[in-house]
N, C-alpha and C. Protein backbone atom coordinates (compact mmCIF):
# COMPACT_ATOMS: atom_id res chain seq x y z
N MET A 1 89.94 101.14 109.67
CA MET A 1 89.18 100.76 109.64
C MET A 1 88.65 99.24 108.17
N LYS A 2 88.23 98.45 108.99
CA LYS A 2 87.95 97.31 107.85
C LYS A 2 86.86 97.30 106.92
N LEU A 3 86.50 97.82 105.48
CA LEU A 3 85.50 97.73 105.70
C LEU A 3 84.30 96.33 105.85
N TRP A 4 84.77 95.52 105.96
CA TRP A 4 84.02 94.28 105.72
C TRP A 4 84.11 94.21 106.72
N GLY A 5 84.02 94.71 108.34
CA GLY A 5 83.98 94.46 109.65
C GLY A 5 82.63 94.70 110.22
N GLY A 6 82.36 93.35 110.42
CA GLY A 6 81.20 92.84 111.61
C GLY A 6 80.87 91.16 109.98
N ARG A 7 80.78 91.58 108.65
CA ARG A 7 80.44 90.89 107.66
C ARG A 7 80.46 89.09 108.41
N PHE A 8 82.22 88.84 108.48
CA PHE A 8 82.02 87.51 108.95
C PHE A 8 82.25 87.32 110.30
N ALA A 9 82.35 85.88 110.36
CA ALA A 9 82.38 85.43 111.96
C ALA A 9 84.07 85.14 112.41
N LYS A 10 84.94 84.84 111.90
CA LYS A 10 86.43 84.72 111.34
C LYS A 10 86.86 85.98 111.66
N SER A 11 88.15 86.18 112.21
CA SER A 11 88.79 87.60 112.03
C SER A 11 89.32 86.69 111.09
N THR A 12 90.66 87.78 109.97
CA THR A 12 91.02 87.73 108.58
C THR A 12 92.03 87.32 108.95
N ASP A 13 92.43 86.52 108.52
CA ASP A 13 94.31 85.94 108.41
C ASP A 13 95.14 87.04 108.08
N HIS A 14 96.82 86.97 109.09
CA HIS A 14 97.33 88.06 109.09
C HIS A 14 97.89 88.44 107.50
N LEU A 15 97.57 87.24 106.67
CA LEU A 15 98.41 88.23 105.54
C LEU A 15 97.99 88.61 104.77
N MET A 16 96.51 88.43 104.66
CA MET A 16 95.61 89.68 103.67
C MET A 16 95.41 90.79 105.20
N ASP A 17 95.79 90.84 106.58
CA ASP A 17 95.93 92.18 106.73
C ASP A 17 97.94 92.83 106.33
N ASP A 18 98.28 92.05 106.37
CA ASP A 18 99.74 92.64 105.42
C ASP A 18 99.38 92.52 104.45
N PHE A 19 99.24 92.54 103.06
CA PHE A 19 98.64 93.06 102.47
C PHE A 19 97.48 93.69 102.39
N HIS A 20 96.96 94.17 102.60
CA HIS A 20 95.92 95.67 103.16
C HIS A 20 96.60 96.86 103.63
N SER A 21 97.54 96.32 104.81
CA SER A 21 98.10 98.00 105.21
C SER A 21 99.73 98.38 104.27
N SER A 22 99.41 97.90 103.01
CA SER A 22 100.51 98.52 102.56
C SER A 22 99.94 99.12 100.98
N ILE A 23 97.97 98.86 100.95
CA ILE A 23 97.51 99.12 100.12
C ILE A 23 97.56 101.20 99.80
N SER A 24 97.66 101.88 101.15
CA SER A 24 97.74 102.83 100.96
C SER A 24 98.98 104.05 100.25
N PHE A 25 99.87 103.22 100.70
CA PHE A 25 101.56 103.92 100.20
C PHE A 25 100.97 103.19 99.44
N ASP A 26 100.87 101.80 98.05
CA ASP A 26 100.81 102.00 96.81
C ASP A 26 100.53 103.38 96.25
N GLN A 27 99.04 103.39 97.01
CA GLN A 27 98.28 104.74 95.78
C GLN A 27 98.57 105.57 95.56
N ARG A 28 99.84 106.37 97.14
CA ARG A 28 100.63 107.02 96.82
C ARG A 28 101.53 106.56 95.57
N MET A 29 102.34 105.80 95.64
CA MET A 29 103.94 106.06 94.83
C MET A 29 103.08 105.13 92.93
N ALA A 30 101.22 106.05 92.80
CA ALA A 30 101.85 104.93 91.34
C ALA A 30 102.03 106.12 90.91
N GLU A 31 101.12 107.37 91.17
CA GLU A 31 101.95 108.24 89.73
C GLU A 31 103.02 108.59 90.04
N GLU A 32 104.21 107.76 90.49
CA GLU A 32 105.34 108.67 90.41
C GLU A 32 106.10 106.97 89.26
N ASP A 33 104.67 105.86 89.40
CA ASP A 33 104.96 104.60 89.35
C ASP A 33 104.90 104.54 87.72
N MET A 34 103.91 105.48 87.41
CA MET A 34 103.60 105.99 85.86
C MET A 34 104.46 106.73 85.19
N PHE A 35 105.30 107.28 86.11
CA PHE A 35 106.41 108.56 85.09
C PHE A 35 107.30 108.00 85.11
N VAL A 36 107.76 106.51 85.75
CA VAL A 36 109.06 105.43 84.95
C VAL A 36 108.86 104.64 84.22
N VAL A 37 107.15 104.40 83.62
CA VAL A 37 106.78 103.62 83.53
C VAL A 37 106.80 104.51 82.02
N ARG A 38 106.36 105.39 82.34
CA ARG A 38 106.99 105.78 80.92
C ARG A 38 108.25 106.58 80.38
N GLY A 39 108.95 106.57 81.02
CA GLY A 39 110.42 107.05 80.95
C GLY A 39 110.41 108.61 81.10
N ILE A 40 109.41 109.26 82.02
CA ILE A 40 109.83 110.46 82.05
C ILE A 40 110.36 110.57 83.29
N ASP A 41 111.46 111.62 82.82
CA ASP A 41 112.75 112.48 84.39
C ASP A 41 111.78 112.73 85.05
N LEU A 42 111.68 113.11 86.50
CA LEU A 42 111.15 113.85 87.76
C LEU A 42 112.34 114.53 88.19
N SER A 43 114.01 114.59 88.14
CA SER A 43 114.44 115.55 88.43
C SER A 43 115.02 116.58 87.91
C-alpha cells in the first residue's frame, strides 16, 4: 500500500516504485549493517 495513494493525479514513476520496493529489505538488514560498521563478529 502506498502512503500517498490518492493524493496525486498521475501515477508514480517506475524508478520510485523500484526504490520503495527495497525499503522493507533495507530495514531488515539495518541491524546487520550496524554490526559490520562496528566490526562485531556475528559468527
